[in-house]
Amino acid sequence: MNKKEKLIKRFKTLPRDFTFEEVLTLFQYYGFVLDNKGATSGSRVKFYNAENQNVYIMHKPHPSNIIKGYMMRDILNYLLKNNYIK
């Protein structure tokens, strides 16, 4: 099992200690690039996939780097709905 498969398997269990860097890596595996949505976006970031024109917008977690449970479920639903994860 390679790093990508391990990260996806870990993500699908919705762990309570999944970090923003891991989410960034996960989206990058599927061809997304990170955009901070401009100078006035605050903690909002946009993941954009130019190949299929898909966009996912979220807030960076703060003050800690751990993704909240509701965001984990939302990201999982997005990736499932758009056929990135099976």
PDB file of N, CA and C in Angstrom:
ATOM      1  N   MET A   1       0.853  -1.179   0.000  1.00  0.00           N
ATOM      2  CA  MET A   1       0.000   0.000   0.000  1.00  0.00           C
ATOM      3  C   MET A   1       0.897   1.240   0.000  1.00  0.00           C
ATOM      4  N   ASN A   2       0.691   2.141  -0.962  1.00  0.00           N
ATOM      5  CA  ASN A   2       1.518   3.345  -1.041  1.00  0.00           C
ATOM      6  C   ASN A   2       0.968   4.462  -0.142  1.00  0.00           C
ATOM      7  N   LYS A   3       1.673   5.592  -0.117  1.00  0.00           N
ATOM      8  CA  LYS A   3       1.280   6.707   0.754  1.00  0.00           C
ATOM      9  C   LYS A   3      -0.125   7.215   0.444  1.00  0.00           C
ATOM     10  N   LYS A   4      -0.441   7.307  -0.850  1.00  0.00           N
ATOM     11  CA  LYS A   4      -1.757   7.808  -1.256  1.00  0.00           C
ATOM     12  C   LYS A   4      -2.861   6.897  -0.723  1.00  0.00           C
ATOM     13  N   GLU A   5      -2.715   5.612  -0.920  1.00  0.00           N
ATOM     14  CA  GLU A   5      -3.725   4.657  -0.453  1.00  0.00           C
ATOM     15  C   GLU A   5      -3.862   4.685   1.063  1.00  0.00           C
ATOM     16  N   LYS A   6      -2.740   4.817   1.767  1.00  0.00           N
ATOM     17  CA  LYS A   6      -2.775   4.872   3.233  1.00  0.00           C
ATOM     18  C   LYS A   6      -3.513   6.127   3.716  1.00  0.00           C
ATOM     19  N   LEU A   7      -3.226   7.263   3.055  1.00  0.00           N
ATOM     20  CA  LEU A   7      -3.883   8.511   3.451  1.00  0.00           C
ATOM     21  C   LEU A   7      -5.384   8.438   3.189  1.00  0.00           C
ATOM     22  N   ILE A   8      -5.779   7.891   2.048  1.00  0.00           N
ATOM     23  CA  ILE A   8      -7.200   7.770   1.721  1.00  0.00           C
ATOM     24  C   ILE A   8      -7.893   6.829   2.713  1.00  0.00           C
ATOM     25  N   LYS A   9      -7.257   5.722   3.017  1.00  0.00           N
ATOM     26  CA  LYS A   9      -7.831   4.770   3.981  1.00  0.00           C
ATOM     27  C   LYS A   9      -8.005   5.441   5.341  1.00  0.00           C
ATOM     28  N   ARG A  10      -6.978   6.179   5.779  1.00  0.00           N
ATOM     29  CA  ARG A  10      -7.057   6.895   7.067  1.00  0.00           C
ATOM     30  C   ARG A  10      -8.173   7.940   7.028  1.00  0.00           C
ATOM     31  N   PHE A  11      -8.261   8.694   5.931  1.00  0.00           N
ATOM     32  CA  PHE A  11      -9.274   9.734   5.805  1.00  0.00           C
ATOM     33  C   PHE A  11     -10.688   9.163   5.881  1.00  0.00           C
ATOM     34  N   LYS A  12     -10.920   8.019   5.234  1.00  0.00           N
ATOM     35  CA  LYS A  12     -12.257   7.427   5.198  1.00  0.00           C
ATOM     36  C   LYS A  12     -12.747   6.979   6.570  1.00  0.00           C
ATOM     37  N   THR A  13     -11.836   6.827   7.540  1.00  0.00           N
ATOM     38  CA  THR A  13     -12.241   6.470   8.906  1.00  0.00           C
ATOM     39  C   THR A  13     -12.642   7.708   9.714  1.00  0.00           C
ATOM     40  N   LEU A  14     -12.499   8.898   9.102  1.00  0.00           N
ATOM     41  CA  LEU A  14     -12.820  10.190   9.736  1.00  0.00           C
ATOM     42  C   LEU A  14     -12.130  10.348  11.094  1.00  0.00           C
ATOM     43  N   PRO A  15     -10.789  10.283  11.118  1.00  0.00           N
ATOM     44  CA  PRO A  15     -10.071  10.410  12.389  1.00  0.00           C
ATOM     45  C   PRO A  15     -10.227  11.802  12.990  1.00  0.00           C
ATOM     46  N   ARG A  16     -10.089  11.892  14.283  1.00  0.00           N
ATOM     47  CA  ARG A  16     -10.231  13.173  14.982  1.00  0.00           C
ATOM     48  C   ARG A  16      -8.956  14.005  14.947  1.00  0.00           C
ATOM     49  N   ASP A  17      -7.878  13.451  14.410  1.00  0.00           N
ATOM     50  CA  ASP A  17      -6.605  14.182  14.392  1.00  0.00           C
ATOM     51  C   ASP A  17      -6.086  14.432  12.976  1.00  0.00           C
ATOM     52  N   PHE A  18      -6.982  14.514  12.004  1.00  0.00           N
ATOM     53  CA  PHE A  18      -6.599  14.772  10.610  1.00  0.00           C
ATOM     54  C   PHE A  18      -6.260  16.257  10.480  1.00  0.00           C
ATOM     55  N   THR A  19      -5.107  16.564   9.897  1.00  0.00           N
ATOM     56  CA  THR A  19      -4.644  17.954   9.830  1.00  0.00           C
ATOM     57  C   THR A  19      -4.959  18.601   8.474  1.00  0.00           C
ATOM     58  N   PHE A  20      -4.830  19.912   8.440  1.00  0.00           N
ATOM     59  CA  PHE A  20      -5.045  20.645   7.198  1.00  0.00           C
ATOM     60  C   PHE A  20      -4.019  20.230   6.144  1.00  0.00           C
ATOM     61  N   GLU A  21      -2.784  19.977   6.552  1.00  0.00           N
ATOM     62  CA  GLU A  21      -1.754  19.541   5.605  1.00  0.00           C
ATOM     63  C   GLU A  21      -2.142  18.213   4.961  1.00  0.00           C
ATOM     64  N   GLU A  22      -2.760  17.321   5.724  1.00  0.00           N
ATOM     65  CA  GLU A  22      -3.215  16.049   5.172  1.00  0.00           C
ATOM     66  C   GLU A  22      -4.359  16.263   4.176  1.00  0.00           C
ATOM     67  N   VAL A  23      -5.259  17.195   4.478  1.00  0.00           N
ATOM     68  CA  VAL A  23      -6.347  17.526   3.542  1.00  0.00           C
ATOM     69  C   VAL A  23      -5.754  18.099   2.264  1.00  0.00           C
ATOM     70  N   LEU A  24      -4.778  18.978   2.401  1.00  0.00           N
ATOM     71  CA  LEU A  24      -4.107  19.561   1.243  1.00  0.00           C
ATOM     72  C   LEU A  24      -3.484  18.458   0.380  1.00  0.00           C
ATOM     73  N   THR A  25      -2.787  17.531   1.004  1.00  0.00           N
ATOM     74  CA  THR A  25      -2.171  16.415   0.280  1.00  0.00           C
ATOM     75  C   THR A  25      -3.230  15.565  -0.408  1.00  0.00           C
ATOM     76  N   LEU A  26      -4.331  15.297   0.302  1.00  0.00           N
ATOM     77  CA  LEU A  26      -5.419  14.494  -0.253  1.00  0.00           C
ATOM     78  C   LEU A  26      -5.980  15.136  -1.518  1.00  0.00           C
ATOM     79  N   PHE A  27      -6.277  16.426  -1.456  1.00  0.00           N
ATOM     80  CA  PHE A  27      -6.807  17.134  -2.629  1.00  0.00           C
ATOM     81  C   PHE A  27      -5.775  17.167  -3.756  1.00  0.00           C
ATOM     82  N   GLN A  28      -4.500  17.329  -3.417  1.00  0.00           N
ATOM     83  CA  GLN A  28      -3.463  17.348  -4.448  1.00  0.00           C
ATOM     84  C   GLN A  28      -3.373  16.011  -5.172  1.00  0.00           C
ATOM     85  N   TYR A  29      -3.613  14.908  -4.470  1.00  0.00           N
ATOM     86  CA  TYR A  29      -3.620  13.592  -5.108  1.00  0.00           C
ATOM     87  C   TYR A  29      -4.655  13.533  -6.238  1.00  0.00           C
ATOM     88  N   TYR A  30      -5.736  14.286  -6.104  1.00  0.00           N
ATOM     89  CA  TYR A  30      -6.808  14.274  -7.101  1.00  0.00           C
ATOM     90  C   TYR A  30      -6.709  15.432  -8.091  1.00  0.00           C
ATOM     91  N   GLY A  31      -5.574  16.115  -8.119  1.00  0.00           N
ATOM     92  CA  GLY A  31      -5.336  17.146  -9.121  1.00  0.00           C
ATOM     93  C   GLY A  31      -5.797  18.536  -8.744  1.00  0.00           C
ATOM     94  N   PHE A  32      -6.134  18.771  -7.482  1.00  0.00           N
ATOM     95  CA  PHE A  32      -6.560  20.099  -7.037  1.00  0.00           C
ATOM     96  C   PHE A  32      -5.336  20.941  -6.675  1.00  0.00           C
ATOM     97  N   VAL A  33      -5.470  22.239  -6.848  1.00  0.00           N
ATOM     98  CA  VAL A  33      -4.452  23.182  -6.392  1.00  0.00           C
ATOM     99  C   VAL A  33      -5.093  24.108  -5.363  1.00  0.00           C
ATOM    100  N   LEU A  34      -4.285  24.605  -4.452  1.00  0.00           N
ATOM    101  CA  LEU A  34      -4.767  25.467  -3.371  1.00  0.00           C
ATOM    102  C   LEU A  34      -4.710  26.919  -3.798  1.00  0.00           C
ATOM    103  N   ASP A  35      -5.786  27.657  -3.498  1.00  0.00           N
ATOM    104  CA  ASP A  35      -5.857  29.083  -3.769  1.00  0.00           C
ATOM    105  C   ASP A  35      -6.414  29.740  -2.514  1.00  0.00           C
ATOM    106  N   ASN A  36      -5.853  30.879  -2.106  1.00  0.00           N
ATOM    107  CA  ASN A  36      -6.336  31.520  -0.879  1.00  0.00           C
ATOM    108  C   ASN A  36      -7.489  32.485  -1.108  1.00  0.00           C
ATOM    109  N   LYS A  37      -8.040  32.537  -2.299  1.00  0.00           N
ATOM    110  CA  LYS A  37      -9.205  33.353  -2.646  1.00  0.00           C
ATOM    111  C   LYS A  37      -8.973  34.847  -2.479  1.00  0.00           C
ATOM    112  N   GLY A  38      -7.762  35.340  -2.525  1.00  0.00           N
ATOM    113  CA  GLY A  38      -7.494  36.772  -2.485  1.00  0.00           C
ATOM    114  C   GLY A  38      -7.093  37.264  -1.108  1.00  0.00           C
ATOM    115  N   ALA A  39      -6.700  38.498  -1.054  1.00  0.00           N
ATOM    116  CA  ALA A  39      -6.157  39.084   0.169  1.00  0.00           C
ATOM    117  C   ALA A  39      -7.197  39.239   1.268  1.00  0.00           C
ATOM    118  N   THR A  40      -8.457  39.376   0.922  1.00  0.00           N
ATOM    119  CA  THR A  40      -9.488  39.612   1.929  1.00  0.00           C
ATOM    120  C   THR A  40     -10.265  38.351   2.294  1.00  0.00           C
ATOM    121  N   SER A  41      -9.736  37.195   1.955  1.00  0.00           N
ATOM    122  CA  SER A  41     -10.487  35.961   2.176  1.00  0.00           C
ATOM    123  C   SER A  41     -10.404  35.461   3.609  1.00  0.00           C
ATOM    124  N   GLY A  42      -9.500  36.001   4.413  1.00  0.00           N
ATOM    125  CA  GLY A  42      -9.354  35.517   5.781  1.00  0.00           C
ATOM    126  C   GLY A  42      -8.816  34.101   5.779  1.00  0.00           C
ATOM    127  N   SER A  43      -9.526  33.191   6.461  1.00  0.00           N
ATOM    128  CA  SER A  43      -9.052  31.811   6.528  1.00  0.00           C
ATOM    129  C   SER A  43      -9.659  30.934   5.437  1.00  0.00           C
ATOM    130  N   ARG A  44     -10.449  31.523   4.545  1.00  0.00           N
ATOM    131  CA  ARG A  44     -11.046  30.728   3.465  1.00  0.00           C
ATOM    132  C   ARG A  44     -10.008  30.351   2.424  1.00  0.00           C
ATOM    133  N   VAL A  45     -10.066  29.093   2.007  1.00  0.00           N
ATOM    134  CA  VAL A  45      -9.200  28.619   0.933  1.00  0.00           C
ATOM    135  C   VAL A  45     -10.053  27.889  -0.088  1.00  0.00           C
ATOM    136  N   LYS A  46      -9.541  27.847  -1.312  1.00  0.00           N
ATOM    137  CA  LYS A  46     -10.260  27.182  -2.389  1.00  0.00           C
ATOM    138  C   LYS A  46      -9.352  26.124  -2.985  1.00  0.00           C
ATOM    139  N   PHE A  47      -9.902  24.922  -3.137  1.00  0.00           N
ATOM    140  CA  PHE A  47      -9.212  23.864  -3.858  1.00  0.00           C
ATOM    141  C   PHE A  47      -9.856  23.809  -5.242  1.00  0.00           C
ATOM    142  N   TYR A  48      -9.028  23.935  -6.279  1.00  0.00           N
ATOM    143  CA  TYR A  48      -9.547  24.011  -7.639  1.00  0.00           C
ATOM    144  C   TYR A  48      -8.909  22.930  -8.506  1.00  0.00           C
ATOM    145  N   ASN A  49      -9.756  22.199  -9.224  1.00  0.00           N
ATOM    146  CA  ASN A  49      -9.295  21.181 -10.159  1.00  0.00           C
ATOM    147  C   ASN A  49      -9.608  21.686 -11.568  1.00  0.00           C
ATOM    148  N   ALA A  50      -8.589  22.115 -12.288  1.00  0.00           N
ATOM    149  CA  ALA A  50      -8.779  22.691 -13.622  1.00  0.00           C
ATOM    150  C   ALA A  50      -9.281  21.665 -14.635  1.00  0.00           C
ATOM    151  N   GLU A  51      -8.893  20.405 -14.438  1.00  0.00           N
ATOM    152  CA  GLU A  51      -9.282  19.366 -15.391  1.00  0.00           C
ATOM    153  C   GLU A  51     -10.789  19.189 -15.461  1.00  0.00           C
ATOM    154  N   ASN A  52     -11.462  19.103 -14.309  1.00  0.00           N
ATOM    155  CA  ASN A  52     -12.925  18.913 -14.318  1.00  0.00           C
ATOM    156  C   ASN A  52     -13.679  20.147 -13.831  1.00  0.00           C
ATOM    157  N   GLN A  53     -12.995  21.257 -13.624  1.00  0.00           N
ATOM    158  CA  GLN A  53     -13.624  22.508 -13.194  1.00  0.00           C
ATOM    159  C   GLN A  53     -14.316  22.377 -11.836  1.00  0.00           C
ATOM    160  N   ASN A  54     -13.838  21.492 -10.974  1.00  0.00           N
ATOM    161  CA  ASN A  54     -14.420  21.328  -9.638  1.00  0.00           C
ATOM    162  C   ASN A  54     -13.752  22.259  -8.646  1.00  0.00           C
ATOM    163  N   VAL A  55     -14.548  22.778  -7.718  1.00  0.00           N
ATOM    164  CA  VAL A  55     -14.058  23.686  -6.687  1.00  0.00           C
ATOM    165  C   VAL A  55     -14.593  23.237  -5.338  1.00  0.00           C
ATOM    166  N   TYR A  56     -13.724  23.272  -4.336  1.00  0.00           N
ATOM    167  CA  TYR A  56     -14.166  23.021  -2.961  1.00  0.00           C
ATOM    168  C   TYR A  56     -13.625  24.158  -2.110  1.00  0.00           C
ATOM    169  N   ILE A  57     -14.505  24.847  -1.387  1.00  0.00           N
ATOM    170  CA  ILE A  57     -14.118  25.978  -0.548  1.00  0.00           C
ATOM    171  C   ILE A  57     -14.309  25.586   0.914  1.00  0.00           C
ATOM    172  N   MET A  58     -13.306  25.901   1.719  1.00  0.00           N
ATOM    173  CA  MET A  58     -13.387  25.615   3.156  1.00  0.00           C
ATOM    174  C   MET A  58     -12.609  26.670   3.923  1.00  0.00           C
ATOM    175  N   HIS A  59     -12.760  26.653   5.223  1.00  0.00           N
ATOM    176  CA  HIS A  59     -11.984  27.525   6.096  1.00  0.00           C
ATOM    177  C   HIS A  59     -10.851  26.715   6.695  1.00  0.00           C
ATOM    178  N   LYS A  60      -9.675  27.317   6.751  1.00  0.00           N
ATOM    179  CA  LYS A  60      -8.559  26.677   7.418  1.00  0.00           C
ATOM    180  C   LYS A  60      -8.893  26.622   8.907  1.00  0.00           C
ATOM    181  N   PRO A  61      -8.578  25.516   9.554  1.00  0.00           N
ATOM    182  CA  PRO A  61      -8.853  25.446  10.989  1.00  0.00           C
ATOM    183  C   PRO A  61      -7.897  26.357  11.762  1.00  0.00           C
ATOM    184  N   HIS A  62      -8.399  26.948  12.831  1.00  0.00           N
ATOM    185  CA  HIS A  62      -7.555  27.758  13.696  1.00  0.00           C
ATOM    186  C   HIS A  62      -8.196  27.822  15.059  1.00  0.00           C
ATOM    187  N   PRO A  63      -7.528  27.942  16.123  1.00  0.00           N
ATOM    188  CA  PRO A  63      -6.079  28.121  16.209  1.00  0.00           C
ATOM    189  C   PRO A  63      -5.300  26.814  16.013  1.00  0.00           C
ATOM    190  N   SER A  64      -5.929  25.659  16.186  1.00  0.00           N
ATOM    191  CA  SER A  64      -5.188  24.418  15.951  1.00  0.00           C
ATOM    192  C   SER A  64      -5.270  24.059  14.469  1.00  0.00           C
ATOM    193  N   ASN A  65      -4.523  23.062  14.068  1.00  0.00           N
ATOM    194  CA  ASN A  65      -4.449  22.672  12.664  1.00  0.00           C
ATOM    195  C   ASN A  65      -5.333  21.460  12.365  1.00  0.00           C
ATOM    196  N   ILE A  66      -6.116  21.010  13.344  1.00  0.00           N
ATOM    197  CA  ILE A  66      -6.935  19.802  13.228  1.00  0.00           C
ATOM    198  C   ILE A  66      -8.281  20.149  12.570  1.00  0.00           C
ATOM    199  N   ILE A  67      -8.674  19.328  11.599  1.00  0.00           N
ATOM    200  CA  ILE A  67      -9.948  19.529  10.894  1.00  0.00           C
ATOM    201  C   ILE A  67     -11.093  19.030  11.773  1.00  0.00           C
ATOM    202  N   LYS A  68     -12.133  19.827  11.898  1.00  0.00           N
ATOM    203  CA  LYS A  68     -13.301  19.458  12.703  1.00  0.00           C
ATOM    204  C   LYS A  68     -14.070  18.313  12.046  1.00  0.00           C
ATOM    205  N   GLY A  69     -14.816  17.569  12.867  1.00  0.00           N
ATOM    206  CA  GLY A  69     -15.560  16.408  12.402  1.00  0.00           C
ATOM    207  C   GLY A  69     -16.560  16.724  11.303  1.00  0.00           C
ATOM    208  N   TYR A  70     -17.297  17.827  11.437  1.00  0.00           N
ATOM    209  CA  TYR A  70     -18.295  18.166  10.423  1.00  0.00           C
ATOM    210  C   TYR A  70     -17.630  18.492   9.089  1.00  0.00           C
ATOM    211  N   MET A  71     -16.425  19.074   9.121  1.00  0.00           N
ATOM    212  CA  MET A  71     -15.704  19.366   7.888  1.00  0.00           C
ATOM    213  C   MET A  71     -15.180  18.085   7.252  1.00  0.00           C
ATOM    214  N   MET A  72     -14.744  17.147   8.091  1.00  0.00           N
ATOM    215  CA  MET A  72     -14.274  15.853   7.578  1.00  0.00           C
ATOM    216  C   MET A  72     -15.406  15.161   6.818  1.00  0.00           C
ATOM    217  N   ARG A  73     -16.597  15.145   7.418  1.00  0.00           N
ATOM    218  CA  ARG A  73     -17.755  14.514   6.765  1.00  0.00           C
ATOM    219  C   ARG A  73     -18.115  15.245   5.469  1.00  0.00           C
ATOM    220  N   ASP A  74     -18.028  16.577   5.489  1.00  0.00           N
ATOM    221  CA  ASP A  74     -18.351  17.370   4.303  1.00  0.00           C
ATOM    222  C   ASP A  74     -17.354  17.099   3.168  1.00  0.00           C
ATOM    223  N   ILE A  75     -16.076  17.037   3.501  1.00  0.00           N
ATOM    224  CA  ILE A  75     -15.053  16.745   2.493  1.00  0.00           C
ATOM    225  C   ILE A  75     -15.256  15.339   1.935  1.00  0.00           C
ATOM    226  N   LEU A  76     -15.516  14.370   2.813  1.00  0.00           N
ATOM    227  CA  LEU A  76     -15.746  12.997   2.364  1.00  0.00           C
ATOM    228  C   LEU A  76     -16.950  12.931   1.430  1.00  0.00           C
ATOM    229  N   ASN A  77     -18.044  13.584   1.800  1.00  0.00           N
ATOM    230  CA  ASN A  77     -19.235  13.602   0.945  1.00  0.00           C
ATOM    231  C   ASN A  77     -18.938  14.245  -0.412  1.00  0.00           C
ATOM    232  N   TYR A  78     -18.175  15.328  -0.409  1.00  0.00           N
ATOM    233  CA  TYR A  78     -17.808  16.001  -1.660  1.00  0.00           C
ATOM    234  C   TYR A  78     -16.995  15.071  -2.559  1.00  0.00           C
ATOM    235  N   LEU A  79     -15.987  14.421  -1.986  1.00  0.00           N
ATOM    236  CA  LEU A  79     -15.135  13.534  -2.774  1.00  0.00           C
ATOM    237  C   LEU A  79     -15.895  12.308  -3.275  1.00  0.00           C
ATOM    238  N   LEU A  80     -16.819  11.801  -2.476  1.00  0.00           N
ATOM    239  CA  LEU A  80     -17.644  10.671  -2.911  1.00  0.00           C
ATOM    240  C   LEU A  80     -18.607  11.098  -4.020  1.00  0.00           C
ATOM    241  N   LYS A  81     -19.281  12.224  -3.832  1.00  0.00           N
ATOM    242  CA  LYS A  81     -20.266  12.728  -4.784  1.00  0.00           C
ATOM    243  C   LYS A  81     -19.630  12.998  -6.156  1.00  0.00           C
ATOM    244  N   ASN A  82     -18.401  13.465  -6.153  1.00  0.00           N
ATOM    245  CA  ASN A  82     -17.722  13.799  -7.404  1.00  0.00           C
ATOM    246  C   ASN A  82     -16.821  12.658  -7.910  1.00  0.00           C
ATOM    247  N   ASN A  83     -17.007  11.481  -7.341  1.00  0.00           N
ATOM    248  CA  ASN A  83     -16.332  10.256  -7.792  1.00  0.00           C
ATOM    249  C   ASN A  83     -14.820  10.291  -7.708  1.00  0.00           C
ATOM    250  N   TYR A  84     -14.269  10.990  -6.724  1.00  0.00           N
ATOM    251  CA  TYR A  84     -12.837  10.943  -6.493  1.00  0.00           C
ATOM    252  C   TYR A  84     -12.506   9.740  -5.606  1.00  0.00           C
ATOM    253  N   ILE A  85     -13.359   9.501  -4.627  1.00  0.00           N
ATOM    254  CA  ILE A  85     -13.202   8.358  -3.718  1.00  0.00           C
ATOM    255  C   ILE A  85     -14.366   7.414  -3.970  1.00  0.00           C
ATOM    256  N   LYS A  86     -14.064   6.136  -3.951  1.00  0.00           N
ATOM    257  CA  LYS A  86     -15.103   5.133  -4.160  1.00  0.00           C
ATOM    258  C   LYS A  86     -15.452   4.473  -2.853  1.00  0.00           C
TER     259      LYS A  86
END
